[in-house]
Amino acid sequence: MTKPLVSLRNAGKIYRNGTVALAGLDLDVRAGEFLTLLGPSGCGKSTILRLIAGLDSVSSGTLTRGFSQARGNIGFVFQDPTLMPWASVFDNVFLGLRLQGISRHDAAPVVNDMLALVGLGAETAAFPRELSGGMRMRVSIARALVSRPPLLLLDEPFAALDEITRFKLNDDLLTLQGALATTIVFVTHSVYESVYLSHRIAVMAARPGRIVEEIAISAPSPRGQAFRTSAAYADACAQASQTLQNAMDEVLK
């Protein structure tokens, strides 16, 4: 077994107002996998991403990383694309490399290649206001991946999109992971999305936030419509749904 990319052991997070966001959490993020955190609002999914990204620290327990925290080694995509409205698509994606001190001239081939990879090679001069919601999210993903980080964190990036766009971006995200060999930790409320995307699902419960069960999804890659309509997909969705319901019922007792 290789060393996990990220490992949390008995990790807890208590905010200043006394809210216990996480308690006794054990989680490994394995290199090359697609791991989804699935659970209801308030169970600490986003808190885990912030801890992994180094944007916050654990209150108890440990978090260790098997890679450097140097700038550009972790990509982060939020539910809102958070693009600079005054900047072109190219300049929005260039931002991360610019912050690393890379010149526009040297970054141009890298930025253009990444935009082509997310299907926006013809939109480099466009501005965010000229793009659809799905296209803006592609720009956000391209910006997070342009430095080829070993780890990509996504916090409900497709929640505000229509179902057709969401399905297409799910497929595109899996294609990107295959092309770039990036480890992905993904947050969602959607059972169906979690099963379609993941190698492994960590189902969470709240009060305090914790992992109640991990579900392995053994479907081969690449995935597509055949998997979405398969008995294996339906069975895995039923298992994840029941596990999530059990976790929510436990909180209500």
Protein backbone atom coordinates (compact mmCIF):
# COMPACT_ATOMS: atom_id res chain seq x y z
CA MET A 1 0.00 0.00 0.00
CA THR A 2 1.35 3.43 -0.93
CA LYS A 3 1.26 6.25 1.58
CA PRO A 4 -2.04 8.19 1.42
CA LEU A 5 -1.93 11.57 -0.26
CA VAL A 6 -3.83 12.95 2.75
CA SER A 7 -4.62 11.25 6.04
CA LEU A 8 -6.88 12.44 8.86
CA ARG A 9 -6.79 10.54 12.16
CA ASN A 10 -9.31 11.14 14.96
CA ALA A 11 -9.67 14.61 13.52
CA GLY A 12 -12.00 17.13 15.10
CA LYS A 13 -12.95 20.70 14.32
CA ILE A 14 -14.67 23.04 16.78
CA TYR A 15 -15.39 26.60 15.69
CA ARG A 16 -15.07 29.61 17.96
CA ASN A 17 -18.83 29.77 18.47
CA GLY A 18 -18.74 26.26 19.93
CA THR A 19 -20.08 24.44 16.87
CA VAL A 20 -18.62 20.95 16.65
CA ALA A 21 -18.16 20.58 12.90
CA LEU A 22 -16.21 17.29 13.00
CA ALA A 23 -15.35 14.72 15.65
CA GLY A 24 -13.35 11.49 15.58
CA LEU A 25 -12.94 11.56 11.82
CA ASP A 26 -10.65 9.03 10.12
CA LEU A 27 -10.15 9.42 6.38
CA ASP A 28 -7.47 8.59 3.82
CA VAL A 29 -7.27 10.16 0.38
CA ARG A 30 -5.46 7.73 -1.91
CA ALA A 31 -3.39 8.88 -4.85
CA GLY A 32 -5.24 8.69 -8.15
CA GLU A 33 -8.69 8.05 -6.74
CA PHE A 34 -11.98 9.92 -7.07
CA LEU A 35 -13.33 10.22 -3.53
CA THR A 36 -16.75 11.74 -2.86
CA LEU A 37 -17.99 13.11 0.46
CA LEU A 38 -21.75 12.56 0.53
CA GLY A 39 -24.00 13.86 3.25
CA PRO A 40 -26.65 16.37 4.34
CA SER A 41 -26.01 20.08 4.82
CA GLY A 42 -24.07 20.84 7.98
CA CYS A 43 -22.27 17.51 8.27
CA GLY A 44 -18.80 18.97 7.72
CA LYS A 45 -18.10 18.10 4.08
CA SER A 46 -16.84 21.57 3.20
CA THR A 47 -14.91 21.72 6.47
CA ILE A 48 -12.96 18.64 5.43
CA LEU A 49 -12.04 20.29 2.13
CA ARG A 50 -10.86 23.41 3.94
CA LEU A 51 -8.72 21.32 6.29
CA ILE A 52 -7.18 19.39 3.42
CA ALA A 53 -6.49 22.63 1.52
CA GLY A 54 -4.79 24.19 4.54
CA LEU A 55 -7.39 26.96 4.75
CA ASP A 56 -8.20 25.85 8.30
CA SER A 57 -6.62 23.60 10.91
CA VAL A 58 -7.87 20.69 13.00
CA SER A 59 -8.84 21.35 16.61
CA SER A 60 -7.86 17.81 17.61
CA GLY A 61 -6.33 14.75 16.03
CA THR A 62 -3.96 14.92 13.08
CA LEU A 63 -3.90 15.73 9.38
CA THR A 64 -0.87 14.70 7.36
CA ARG A 65 -0.11 15.25 3.68
CA GLY A 66 2.09 13.10 1.51
CA PHE A 67 3.03 16.04 -0.72
CA SER A 68 4.27 19.61 -0.47
CA GLN A 69 1.80 22.42 0.22
CA ALA A 70 3.63 24.64 -2.26
CA ARG A 71 1.44 27.05 -4.23
CA GLY A 72 -0.29 25.25 -7.08
CA ASN A 73 -0.21 21.78 -5.51
CA ILE A 74 -3.90 21.89 -4.53
CA GLY A 75 -6.66 23.02 -6.87
CA PHE A 76 -9.96 24.19 -5.36
CA VAL A 77 -13.25 24.64 -7.21
CA PHE A 78 -16.25 26.15 -5.42
CA GLN A 79 -19.98 26.03 -6.18
CA ASP A 80 -19.73 29.58 -7.55
CA PRO A 81 -17.11 29.80 -10.32
CA THR A 82 -15.75 33.01 -8.68
CA LEU A 83 -14.33 34.34 -11.94
CA MET A 84 -12.98 37.87 -12.37
CA PRO A 85 -15.72 39.55 -14.47
CA TRP A 86 -13.33 42.13 -15.95
CA ALA A 87 -10.86 39.48 -17.18
CA SER A 88 -10.98 37.27 -20.25
CA VAL A 89 -11.26 33.49 -20.06
CA PHE A 90 -7.52 33.29 -20.77
CA ASP A 91 -6.64 35.71 -17.97
CA ASN A 92 -8.92 33.98 -15.48
CA VAL A 93 -7.11 30.69 -16.09
CA PHE A 94 -3.70 32.40 -16.22
CA LEU A 95 -4.24 33.84 -12.73
CA GLY A 96 -2.85 30.84 -10.83
CA LEU A 97 0.31 30.70 -12.91
CA ARG A 98 0.73 34.47 -12.67
CA LEU A 99 0.65 34.19 -8.87
CA GLN A 100 3.45 31.64 -9.15
CA GLY A 101 5.57 34.19 -10.97
CA ILE A 102 5.22 32.65 -14.43
CA SER A 103 5.19 35.15 -17.28
CA ARG A 104 2.25 35.48 -19.64
CA HIS A 105 4.47 34.43 -22.55
CA ASP A 106 5.64 31.25 -20.83
CA ALA A 107 2.16 30.44 -19.49
CA ALA A 108 0.32 30.90 -22.78
CA PRO A 109 0.87 27.37 -24.19
CA VAL A 110 -0.10 25.80 -20.86
CA VAL A 111 -3.23 27.94 -20.50
CA ASN A 112 -4.30 27.32 -24.09
CA ASP A 113 -3.76 23.57 -23.75
CA MET A 114 -5.87 23.48 -20.57
CA LEU A 115 -8.67 25.50 -22.17
CA ALA A 116 -8.66 23.11 -25.12
CA LEU A 117 -8.84 20.19 -22.70
CA VAL A 118 -12.01 21.59 -21.07
CA GLY A 119 -13.57 22.40 -24.45
CA LEU A 120 -13.03 26.16 -24.39
CA GLY A 121 -10.19 26.52 -26.86
CA ALA A 122 -12.26 28.91 -28.97
CA GLU A 123 -13.33 31.08 -26.02
CA THR A 124 -10.00 32.44 -24.78
CA ALA A 125 -10.92 36.08 -25.45
CA ALA A 126 -14.48 35.85 -24.11
CA PHE A 127 -15.56 37.39 -20.80
CA PRO A 128 -17.49 35.53 -18.07
CA ARG A 129 -20.72 37.46 -18.81
CA GLU A 130 -20.66 36.01 -22.34
CA LEU A 131 -20.57 32.41 -21.13
CA SER A 132 -23.22 29.96 -19.96
CA GLY A 133 -23.18 28.63 -16.40
CA GLY A 134 -21.60 25.39 -17.53
CA MET A 135 -18.91 27.20 -19.49
CA ARG A 136 -18.08 29.42 -16.51
CA MET A 137 -17.63 26.30 -14.40
CA ARG A 138 -15.30 24.86 -17.05
CA VAL A 139 -13.18 28.01 -16.75
CA SER A 140 -13.07 27.58 -12.98
CA ILE A 141 -11.99 23.95 -13.34
CA ALA A 142 -9.36 24.89 -15.92
CA ARG A 143 -7.99 27.55 -13.56
CA ALA A 144 -7.75 25.00 -10.73
CA LEU A 145 -5.99 22.44 -12.94
CA VAL A 146 -3.69 24.66 -15.01
CA SER A 147 -0.74 24.08 -12.65
CA ARG A 148 -1.33 20.30 -12.81
CA PRO A 149 -1.91 19.90 -9.04
CA PRO A 150 -1.71 16.37 -7.59
CA LEU A 151 -4.95 17.06 -5.69
CA LEU A 152 -8.18 18.74 -6.82
CA LEU A 153 -10.93 19.65 -4.33
CA LEU A 154 -14.44 20.41 -5.60
CA ASP A 155 -17.17 21.75 -3.32
CA GLU A 156 -20.55 21.06 -4.99
CA PRO A 157 -19.39 22.60 -8.27
CA PHE A 158 -22.39 21.48 -10.34
CA ALA A 159 -25.21 21.99 -7.83
CA ALA A 160 -26.62 25.12 -9.51
CA LEU A 161 -26.57 23.69 -13.05
CA ASP A 162 -29.36 22.01 -14.99
CA GLU A 163 -29.32 18.23 -15.18
CA ILE A 164 -28.19 17.96 -18.81
CA THR A 165 -25.24 20.30 -18.23
CA ARG A 166 -24.44 18.52 -14.98
CA PHE A 167 -24.31 15.11 -16.70
CA LYS A 168 -21.98 16.48 -19.38
CA LEU A 169 -19.66 18.06 -16.83
CA ASN A 170 -19.61 14.82 -14.83
CA ASP A 171 -18.34 13.03 -17.94
CA ASP A 172 -15.85 15.79 -18.69
CA LEU A 173 -14.50 15.73 -15.14
CA LEU A 174 -13.84 12.00 -15.39
CA THR A 175 -12.11 12.55 -18.72
CA LEU A 176 -9.92 15.25 -17.17
CA GLN A 177 -8.98 13.02 -14.28
CA GLY A 178 -7.98 10.27 -16.69
CA ALA A 179 -5.91 12.67 -18.79
CA LEU A 180 -4.15 14.41 -15.89
CA ALA A 181 -3.99 11.59 -13.29
CA THR A 182 -5.25 14.03 -10.65
CA THR A 183 -6.60 12.83 -7.31
CA ILE A 184 -10.07 14.29 -6.72
CA VAL A 185 -12.06 14.89 -3.54
CA PHE A 186 -15.61 15.91 -4.47
CA VAL A 187 -18.47 17.16 -2.28
CA THR A 188 -22.10 16.62 -3.25
CA HIS A 189 -25.60 16.11 -1.86
CA SER A 190 -26.50 13.92 -4.83
CA VAL A 191 -26.47 10.14 -4.38
CA TYR A 192 -26.67 9.65 -8.15
CA GLU A 193 -23.75 11.96 -8.88
CA SER A 194 -21.61 10.40 -6.16
CA VAL A 195 -22.10 6.87 -7.51
CA TYR A 196 -21.47 7.86 -11.11
CA LEU A 197 -18.22 9.70 -10.41
CA SER A 198 -16.55 7.89 -7.56
CA HIS A 199 -14.15 5.10 -6.84
CA ARG A 200 -15.17 5.47 -3.21
CA ILE A 201 -17.93 7.33 -1.35
CA ALA A 202 -17.58 8.46 2.27
CA VAL A 203 -21.11 8.85 3.66
CA MET A 204 -21.34 11.40 6.44
CA ALA A 205 -23.71 12.26 9.26
CA ALA A 206 -24.00 15.47 11.27
CA ARG A 207 -23.99 16.54 14.92
CA PRO A 208 -21.06 16.03 15.02
CA GLY A 209 -19.79 15.59 11.47
CA ARG A 210 -18.38 12.10 10.98
CA ILE A 211 -18.06 9.33 8.43
CA VAL A 212 -20.52 6.53 9.04
CA GLU A 213 -19.68 4.25 6.12
CA GLU A 214 -17.48 4.01 3.04
CA ILE A 215 -18.83 2.49 -0.17
CA ALA A 216 -16.53 1.24 -2.92
CA ILE A 217 -17.79 1.67 -6.50
CA SER A 218 -16.09 -1.00 -8.58
CA ALA A 219 -17.42 -0.02 -12.03
CA PRO A 220 -14.63 0.22 -14.60
CA SER A 221 -13.60 3.37 -16.44
CA PRO A 222 -14.46 5.07 -18.66
CA ARG A 223 -18.03 5.43 -17.46
CA GLY A 224 -20.90 6.63 -19.58
CA GLN A 225 -24.56 6.17 -20.38
CA ALA A 226 -24.25 2.38 -20.25
CA PHE A 227 -23.21 2.62 -16.61
CA ARG A 228 -25.95 5.15 -15.77
CA THR A 229 -28.60 2.69 -16.99
CA SER A 230 -27.01 -0.47 -15.57
CA ALA A 231 -28.23 -2.65 -12.72
CA ALA A 232 -24.88 -2.13 -10.98
CA TYR A 233 -25.43 1.63 -10.95
CA ALA A 234 -28.99 1.26 -9.63
CA ASP A 235 -27.82 -1.12 -6.89
CA ALA A 236 -25.00 1.19 -5.81
CA CYS A 237 -27.39 4.18 -5.74
CA ALA A 238 -29.81 2.21 -3.59
CA GLN A 239 -27.02 1.27 -1.18
CA ALA A 240 -25.73 4.84 -0.92
CA SER A 241 -29.26 6.21 -0.51
CA GLN A 242 -30.09 3.77 2.28
CA THR A 243 -26.81 4.46 4.06
CA LEU A 244 -27.43 8.20 3.85
CA GLN A 245 -30.99 7.80 5.12
CA ASN A 246 -29.78 5.68 8.04
CA ALA A 247 -27.25 8.37 8.94
CA MET A 248 -29.91 11.08 8.87
CA ASP A 249 -32.32 8.96 10.91
CA GLU A 250 -29.60 8.44 13.54
CA VAL A 251 -29.20 12.21 13.94
CA LEU A 252 -32.95 12.64 14.43
CA LYS A 253 -33.20 10.09 17.24
